[in-house]
C-alpha atoms as a PDB file:
ATOM      1  CA  MET A   1      57.970 -20.757-130.855  1.00  0.00           C
ATOM      2  CA  PRO A   2      58.208 -22.780-127.466  1.00  0.00           C
ATOM      3  CA  GLN A   3      56.905 -25.731-127.256  1.00  0.00           C
ATOM      4  CA  GLN A   4      53.779 -26.569-125.405  1.00  0.00           C
ATOM      5  CA  ARG A   5      54.046 -28.165-122.235  1.00  0.00           C
ATOM      6  CA  ASP A   6      52.325 -31.419-123.118  1.00  0.00           C
ATOM      7  CA  GLN A   7      54.009 -31.766-126.287  1.00  0.00           C
ATOM      8  CA  LYS A   8      57.715 -33.359-127.965  1.00  0.00           C
ATOM      9  CA  ALA A   9      59.804 -31.637-130.098  1.00  0.00           C
ATOM     10  CA  GLY A  10      58.168 -33.274-133.384  1.00  0.00           C
ATOM     11  CA  GLY A  11      54.799 -31.793-132.214  1.00  0.00           C
ATOM     12  CA  GLU A  12      53.317 -34.824-131.341  1.00  0.00           C
ATOM     13  CA  ALA A  13      52.313 -35.371-127.408  1.00  0.00           C
ATOM     14  CA  ALA A  14      54.323 -38.216-125.440  1.00  0.00           C
ATOM     15  CA  ASP A  15      51.815 -41.559-124.991  1.00  0.00           C
ATOM     16  CA  GLY A  16      49.880 -41.178-121.658  1.00  0.00           C
ATOM     17  CA  GLU A  17      49.917 -37.225-121.444  1.00  0.00           C
ATOM     18  CA  ARG A  18      46.383 -35.480-122.369  1.00  0.00           C
ATOM     19  CA  VAL A  19      45.887 -33.462-125.323  1.00  0.00           C
ATOM     20  CA  LEU A  20      42.870 -30.861-125.941  1.00  0.00           C
ATOM     21  CA  ILE A  21      40.286 -31.420-127.973  1.00  0.00           C
ATOM     22  CA  SER A  22      37.019 -30.606-129.228  1.00  0.00           C
ATOM     23  CA  GLY A  23      34.465 -31.901-130.348  1.00  0.00           C
ATOM     24  CA  ARG A  24      30.000 -31.457-129.904  1.00  0.00           C
ATOM     25  CA  VAL A  25      27.945 -34.041-128.572  1.00  0.00           C
ATOM     26  CA  ARG A  26      24.147 -33.581-127.616  1.00  0.00           C
ATOM     27  CA  ALA A  27      22.719 -32.216-124.287  1.00  0.00           C
ATOM     28  CA  SER A  28      21.264 -35.484-124.226  1.00  0.00           C
ATOM     29  CA  VAL A  29      24.791 -37.277-124.870  1.00  0.00           C
ATOM     30  CA  ARG A  30      26.646 -34.578-122.405  1.00  0.00           C
ATOM     31  CA  LYS A  31      23.896 -35.048-119.602  1.00  0.00           C
ATOM     32  CA  ARG A  32      23.984 -39.261-119.864  1.00  0.00           C
ATOM     33  CA  LEU A  33      28.320 -39.166-119.808  1.00  0.00           C
ATOM     34  CA  ARG A  34      28.011 -36.728-116.443  1.00  0.00           C
ATOM     35  CA  LEU A  35      25.560 -39.188-114.619  1.00  0.00           C
ATOM     36  CA  TYR A  36      27.299 -42.497-115.558  1.00  0.00           C
ATOM     37  CA  ALA A  37      30.412 -40.813-114.459  1.00  0.00           C
ATOM     38  CA  ALA A  38      29.052 -39.368-110.698  1.00  0.00           C
ATOM     39  CA  ALA A  39      27.532 -43.186-110.454  1.00  0.00           C
ATOM     40  CA  HIS A  40      30.409 -44.893-111.269  1.00  0.00           C
ATOM     41  CA  ASP A  41      32.847 -42.729-109.480  1.00  0.00           C
ATOM     42  CA  GLU A  42      34.833 -42.286-112.445  1.00  0.00           C
ATOM     43  CA  ASN A  43      36.583 -38.517-113.575  1.00  0.00           C
ATOM     44  CA  LEU A  44      34.897 -37.413-117.206  1.00  0.00           C
ATOM     45  CA  GLN A  45      38.303 -37.341-118.584  1.00  0.00           C
ATOM     46  CA  ASP A  46      38.549 -40.825-117.800  1.00  0.00           C
ATOM     47  CA  LEU A  47      35.674 -42.063-118.866  1.00  0.00           C
ATOM     48  CA  LEU A  48      35.698 -40.123-122.232  1.00  0.00           C
ATOM     49  CA  ASP A  49      39.461 -41.421-122.756  1.00  0.00           C
ATOM     50  CA  ALA A  50      38.651 -44.937-122.355  1.00  0.00           C
ATOM     51  CA  ALA A  51      35.132 -44.854-124.216  1.00  0.00           C
ATOM     52  CA  ILE A  52      37.151 -43.264-127.376  1.00  0.00           C
ATOM     53  CA  ASP A  53      40.003 -46.002-127.059  1.00  0.00           C
ATOM     54  CA  GLU A  54      37.240 -48.788-126.654  1.00  0.00           C
ATOM     55  CA  TYR A  55      35.341 -47.581-130.196  1.00  0.00           C
ATOM     56  CA  LEU A  56      38.708 -47.156-131.675  1.00  0.00           C
ATOM     57  CA  SER A  57      39.987 -50.610-130.640  1.00  0.00           C
ATOM     58  CA  LYS A  58      36.598 -52.504-131.911  1.00  0.00           C
ATOM     59  CA  ARG A  59      36.995 -50.637-135.455  1.00  0.00           C
ATOM     60  CA  GLY A  60      40.735 -51.200-135.843  1.00  0.00           C
ATOM     61  CA  GLY A  61      41.811 -47.718-135.231  1.00  0.00           C
END
């Protein structure tokens, strides 16, 4: 089976490479995220990455 473009041979992505995750949020949360990203001239992907990273860092993850 061919490797996906952003994965190493072991099936894990290299640090810094983006991978797809899936989840659902309330429509109101999505709207707030999009408004915040636009108001602060941020990319939604970068905002989500930073938010999840901060959440995990605060909880020892």
